[in-house]
Amino acid sequence: MTPEASIALVESFWEEVWAACNPAAMDRFLTEDFIINSAGVDVSGPEDFKTWVASFQSRIADLRWETIDESSRESWRLCPASSRSTVN
């Protein structure tokens, strides 16, 4: 995957899942063996992650993401720095 395609994929994930508050949209982005660690706890698989995201989104009003740096473009990982703002 090219760096540009990687960036487009991550941006689509943030827009379709986080900005749209639509955890169901993540099906096309995750594999069955997906694992993310949140505060020392593994969240395993798409269904558990959807539940985690829905819970997170239910507690935060007006979450907005803005990519401010894409310095990892040439790396094998895409790790854009982002700015988040919320209203609680």
N, C-alpha and C. Protein backbone atom coordinates (compact mmCIF):
# COMPACT_ATOMS: atom_id res chain seq x y z
N MET A 1 0.86 -1.17 0.00
CA MET A 1 0.00 0.00 0.00
C MET A 1 0.91 1.24 0.00
N THR A 2 0.58 2.18 -0.83
CA THR A 2 1.38 3.40 -0.90
C THR A 2 1.11 4.27 0.34
N PRO A 3 2.04 5.17 0.67
CA PRO A 3 1.77 6.08 1.79
C PRO A 3 0.48 6.88 1.59
N GLU A 4 0.23 7.30 0.38
CA GLU A 4 -0.99 8.07 0.11
C GLU A 4 -2.25 7.24 0.36
N ALA A 5 -2.21 5.96 -0.06
CA ALA A 5 -3.36 5.08 0.16
C ALA A 5 -3.55 4.82 1.65
N SER A 6 -2.44 4.68 2.39
CA SER A 6 -2.53 4.48 3.84
C SER A 6 -3.17 5.68 4.52
N ILE A 7 -2.75 6.85 4.12
CA ILE A 7 -3.30 8.08 4.69
C ILE A 7 -4.79 8.19 4.38
N ALA A 8 -5.16 7.90 3.14
CA ALA A 8 -6.58 7.96 2.75
C ALA A 8 -7.41 6.96 3.56
N LEU A 9 -6.85 5.77 3.82
CA LEU A 9 -7.56 4.76 4.59
C LEU A 9 -7.79 5.23 6.03
N VAL A 10 -6.76 5.77 6.66
CA VAL A 10 -6.90 6.26 8.03
C VAL A 10 -7.87 7.43 8.09
N GLU A 11 -7.77 8.35 7.14
CA GLU A 11 -8.70 9.48 7.12
C GLU A 11 -10.14 9.01 6.93
N SER A 12 -10.34 8.01 6.09
CA SER A 12 -11.70 7.45 5.91
C SER A 12 -12.21 6.83 7.20
N PHE A 13 -11.33 6.10 7.90
CA PHE A 13 -11.73 5.51 9.18
C PHE A 13 -12.18 6.58 10.16
N TRP A 14 -11.40 7.65 10.33
CA TRP A 14 -11.77 8.72 11.27
C TRP A 14 -13.07 9.38 10.84
N GLU A 15 -13.23 9.64 9.55
CA GLU A 15 -14.44 10.32 9.08
C GLU A 15 -15.68 9.44 9.22
N GLU A 16 -15.57 8.17 8.79
CA GLU A 16 -16.73 7.29 8.74
C GLU A 16 -17.11 6.71 10.10
N VAL A 17 -16.13 6.48 10.97
CA VAL A 17 -16.40 5.87 12.27
C VAL A 17 -16.50 6.92 13.36
N TRP A 18 -15.47 7.73 13.53
CA TRP A 18 -15.42 8.69 14.64
C TRP A 18 -16.25 9.94 14.37
N ALA A 19 -15.99 10.63 13.28
CA ALA A 19 -16.71 11.88 13.01
C ALA A 19 -18.20 11.65 12.80
N ALA A 20 -18.55 10.54 12.16
CA ALA A 20 -19.96 10.23 11.91
C ALA A 20 -20.62 9.53 13.09
N CYS A 21 -19.83 9.23 14.14
CA CYS A 21 -20.34 8.48 15.31
C CYS A 21 -21.06 7.22 14.86
N ASN A 22 -20.36 6.44 14.02
CA ASN A 22 -20.96 5.25 13.43
C ASN A 22 -20.02 4.05 13.57
N PRO A 23 -19.97 3.41 14.75
CA PRO A 23 -19.09 2.26 14.94
C PRO A 23 -19.34 1.13 13.94
N ALA A 24 -20.55 0.99 13.44
CA ALA A 24 -20.85 -0.07 12.48
C ALA A 24 -20.05 0.08 11.19
N ALA A 25 -19.60 1.29 10.89
CA ALA A 25 -18.84 1.54 9.66
C ALA A 25 -17.45 0.92 9.69
N MET A 26 -16.99 0.49 10.85
CA MET A 26 -15.62 -0.01 10.93
C MET A 26 -15.43 -1.41 10.35
N ASP A 27 -16.50 -2.09 9.97
CA ASP A 27 -16.38 -3.44 9.43
C ASP A 27 -15.39 -3.52 8.26
N ARG A 28 -15.38 -2.53 7.40
CA ARG A 28 -14.50 -2.60 6.23
C ARG A 28 -13.05 -2.26 6.55
N PHE A 29 -12.78 -1.80 7.78
CA PHE A 29 -11.43 -1.39 8.15
C PHE A 29 -10.69 -2.40 9.02
N LEU A 30 -11.39 -3.30 9.70
CA LEU A 30 -10.76 -4.17 10.70
C LEU A 30 -10.77 -5.63 10.28
N THR A 31 -9.75 -6.35 10.74
CA THR A 31 -9.69 -7.80 10.54
C THR A 31 -10.23 -8.48 11.80
N GLU A 32 -10.55 -9.75 11.68
CA GLU A 32 -11.09 -10.50 12.82
C GLU A 32 -10.11 -10.60 13.98
N ASP A 33 -8.80 -10.54 13.70
CA ASP A 33 -7.80 -10.66 14.76
C ASP A 33 -7.33 -9.30 15.28
N PHE A 34 -8.09 -8.26 15.00
CA PHE A 34 -7.77 -6.90 15.46
C PHE A 34 -7.72 -6.85 16.99
N ILE A 35 -6.68 -6.20 17.52
CA ILE A 35 -6.55 -5.96 18.97
C ILE A 35 -6.02 -4.55 19.17
N ILE A 36 -6.63 -3.83 20.09
CA ILE A 36 -6.12 -2.52 20.50
C ILE A 36 -6.06 -2.53 22.03
N ASN A 37 -5.07 -1.86 22.57
CA ASN A 37 -4.93 -1.78 24.02
C ASN A 37 -5.39 -0.40 24.46
N SER A 38 -6.31 -0.37 25.39
CA SER A 38 -6.82 0.89 25.93
C SER A 38 -6.65 0.87 27.44
N ALA A 39 -5.79 1.73 27.94
CA ALA A 39 -5.55 1.83 29.38
C ALA A 39 -5.17 0.48 30.00
N GLY A 40 -4.35 -0.28 29.27
CA GLY A 40 -3.86 -1.55 29.79
C GLY A 40 -4.79 -2.72 29.59
N VAL A 41 -5.91 -2.51 28.92
CA VAL A 41 -6.88 -3.58 28.68
C VAL A 41 -6.96 -3.82 27.17
N ASP A 42 -6.80 -5.10 26.76
CA ASP A 42 -6.93 -5.44 25.35
C ASP A 42 -8.40 -5.47 24.95
N VAL A 43 -8.70 -4.81 23.85
CA VAL A 43 -10.02 -4.87 23.23
C VAL A 43 -9.80 -5.71 21.97
N SER A 44 -10.39 -6.90 21.93
CA SER A 44 -10.09 -7.88 20.88
C SER A 44 -11.26 -8.06 19.92
N GLY A 45 -10.95 -7.95 18.65
CA GLY A 45 -11.94 -8.21 17.60
C GLY A 45 -12.83 -7.03 17.30
N PRO A 46 -13.38 -7.01 16.10
CA PRO A 46 -14.23 -5.91 15.67
C PRO A 46 -15.45 -5.67 16.54
N GLU A 47 -16.12 -6.74 16.98
CA GLU A 47 -17.36 -6.54 17.75
C GLU A 47 -17.08 -5.89 19.10
N ASP A 48 -16.02 -6.34 19.79
CA ASP A 48 -15.67 -5.71 21.07
C ASP A 48 -15.22 -4.27 20.87
N PHE A 49 -14.51 -4.02 19.77
CA PHE A 49 -14.07 -2.65 19.50
C PHE A 49 -15.26 -1.75 19.18
N LYS A 50 -16.24 -2.26 18.44
CA LYS A 50 -17.45 -1.48 18.17
C LYS A 50 -18.14 -1.09 19.48
N THR A 51 -18.23 -2.05 20.40
CA THR A 51 -18.84 -1.77 21.70
C THR A 51 -18.04 -0.71 22.45
N TRP A 52 -16.72 -0.84 22.43
CA TRP A 52 -15.84 0.13 23.10
C TRP A 52 -16.01 1.53 22.50
N VAL A 53 -16.02 1.61 21.17
CA VAL A 53 -16.16 2.90 20.48
C VAL A 53 -17.52 3.51 20.80
N ALA A 54 -18.59 2.71 20.73
CA ALA A 54 -19.93 3.23 21.02
C ALA A 54 -20.00 3.77 22.45
N SER A 55 -19.39 3.07 23.39
CA SER A 55 -19.38 3.53 24.78
C SER A 55 -18.60 4.84 24.91
N PHE A 56 -17.45 4.90 24.27
CA PHE A 56 -16.64 6.12 24.30
C PHE A 56 -17.42 7.29 23.70
N GLN A 57 -18.02 7.05 22.53
CA GLN A 57 -18.74 8.12 21.84
C GLN A 57 -19.97 8.57 22.62
N SER A 58 -20.57 7.69 23.41
CA SER A 58 -21.75 8.08 24.18
C SER A 58 -21.41 9.04 25.32
N ARG A 59 -20.13 9.06 25.70
CA ARG A 59 -19.71 9.93 26.80
C ARG A 59 -19.14 11.26 26.36
N ILE A 60 -18.88 11.42 25.07
CA ILE A 60 -18.23 12.63 24.56
C ILE A 60 -19.17 13.29 23.55
N ALA A 61 -19.48 14.53 23.78
CA ALA A 61 -20.31 15.28 22.83
C ALA A 61 -19.43 16.10 21.89
N ASP A 62 -19.79 16.14 20.66
CA ASP A 62 -19.15 17.02 19.68
C ASP A 62 -17.65 16.76 19.55
N LEU A 63 -17.27 15.48 19.36
CA LEU A 63 -15.88 15.12 19.16
C LEU A 63 -15.45 15.51 17.75
N ARG A 64 -14.34 16.24 17.65
CA ARG A 64 -13.83 16.66 16.34
C ARG A 64 -12.36 16.28 16.23
N TRP A 65 -11.97 15.78 15.06
CA TRP A 65 -10.58 15.37 14.80
C TRP A 65 -10.02 16.23 13.69
N GLU A 66 -8.78 16.60 13.84
CA GLU A 66 -8.09 17.36 12.80
C GLU A 66 -6.66 16.84 12.72
N THR A 67 -6.26 16.35 11.55
CA THR A 67 -4.88 15.89 11.38
C THR A 67 -3.98 17.11 11.30
N ILE A 68 -2.96 17.12 12.16
CA ILE A 68 -2.06 18.27 12.18
C ILE A 68 -0.64 17.91 11.75
N ASP A 69 -0.34 16.61 11.63
CA ASP A 69 1.00 16.21 11.23
C ASP A 69 0.95 14.81 10.64
N GLU A 70 1.60 14.61 9.53
CA GLU A 70 1.69 13.30 8.91
C GLU A 70 3.15 12.92 8.74
N SER A 71 3.95 13.18 9.75
CA SER A 71 5.39 12.99 9.64
C SER A 71 5.82 11.54 9.51
N SER A 72 4.94 10.60 9.82
CA SER A 72 5.31 9.18 9.72
C SER A 72 5.01 8.60 8.35
N ARG A 73 4.76 9.44 7.38
CA ARG A 73 4.38 9.02 6.04
C ARG A 73 5.28 7.96 5.43
N GLU A 74 6.56 8.07 5.61
CA GLU A 74 7.49 7.14 4.98
C GLU A 74 7.71 5.90 5.84
N SER A 75 7.13 5.85 7.00
CA SER A 75 7.29 4.72 7.90
C SER A 75 6.31 3.62 7.52
N TRP A 76 6.54 2.41 8.06
CA TRP A 76 5.60 1.32 7.82
C TRP A 76 4.33 1.51 8.61
N ARG A 77 4.34 2.40 9.57
CA ARG A 77 3.14 2.73 10.35
C ARG A 77 2.68 4.12 9.99
N LEU A 78 1.40 4.29 9.92
CA LEU A 78 0.83 5.61 9.73
C LEU A 78 0.33 6.09 11.08
N CYS A 79 0.95 7.10 11.61
CA CYS A 79 0.61 7.60 12.95
C CYS A 79 0.41 9.10 12.89
N PRO A 80 -0.66 9.56 12.28
CA PRO A 80 -0.85 11.01 12.22
C PRO A 80 -1.12 11.59 13.59
N ALA A 81 -0.49 12.70 13.89
CA ALA A 81 -0.82 13.42 15.10
C ALA A 81 -2.14 14.11 14.86
N SER A 82 -2.95 14.20 15.88
CA SER A 82 -4.25 14.82 15.68
C SER A 82 -4.59 15.70 16.86
N SER A 83 -5.51 16.58 16.59
CA SER A 83 -6.03 17.47 17.62
C SER A 83 -7.48 17.06 17.85
N ARG A 84 -7.87 16.95 19.10
CA ARG A 84 -9.25 16.59 19.42
C ARG A 84 -9.85 17.66 20.30
N SER A 85 -11.09 17.95 20.06
CA SER A 85 -11.80 18.86 20.94
C SER A 85 -13.16 18.28 21.25
N THR A 86 -13.62 18.51 22.45
CA THR A 86 -14.92 17.96 22.86
C THR A 86 -15.68 18.98 23.67
N VAL A 87 -16.94 18.73 23.77
CA VAL A 87 -17.81 19.51 24.67
C VAL A 87 -18.51 18.48 25.53
N ASN A 88 -18.38 18.56 26.84
CA ASN A 88 -19.05 17.62 27.73
C ASN A 88 -20.19 18.28 28.44
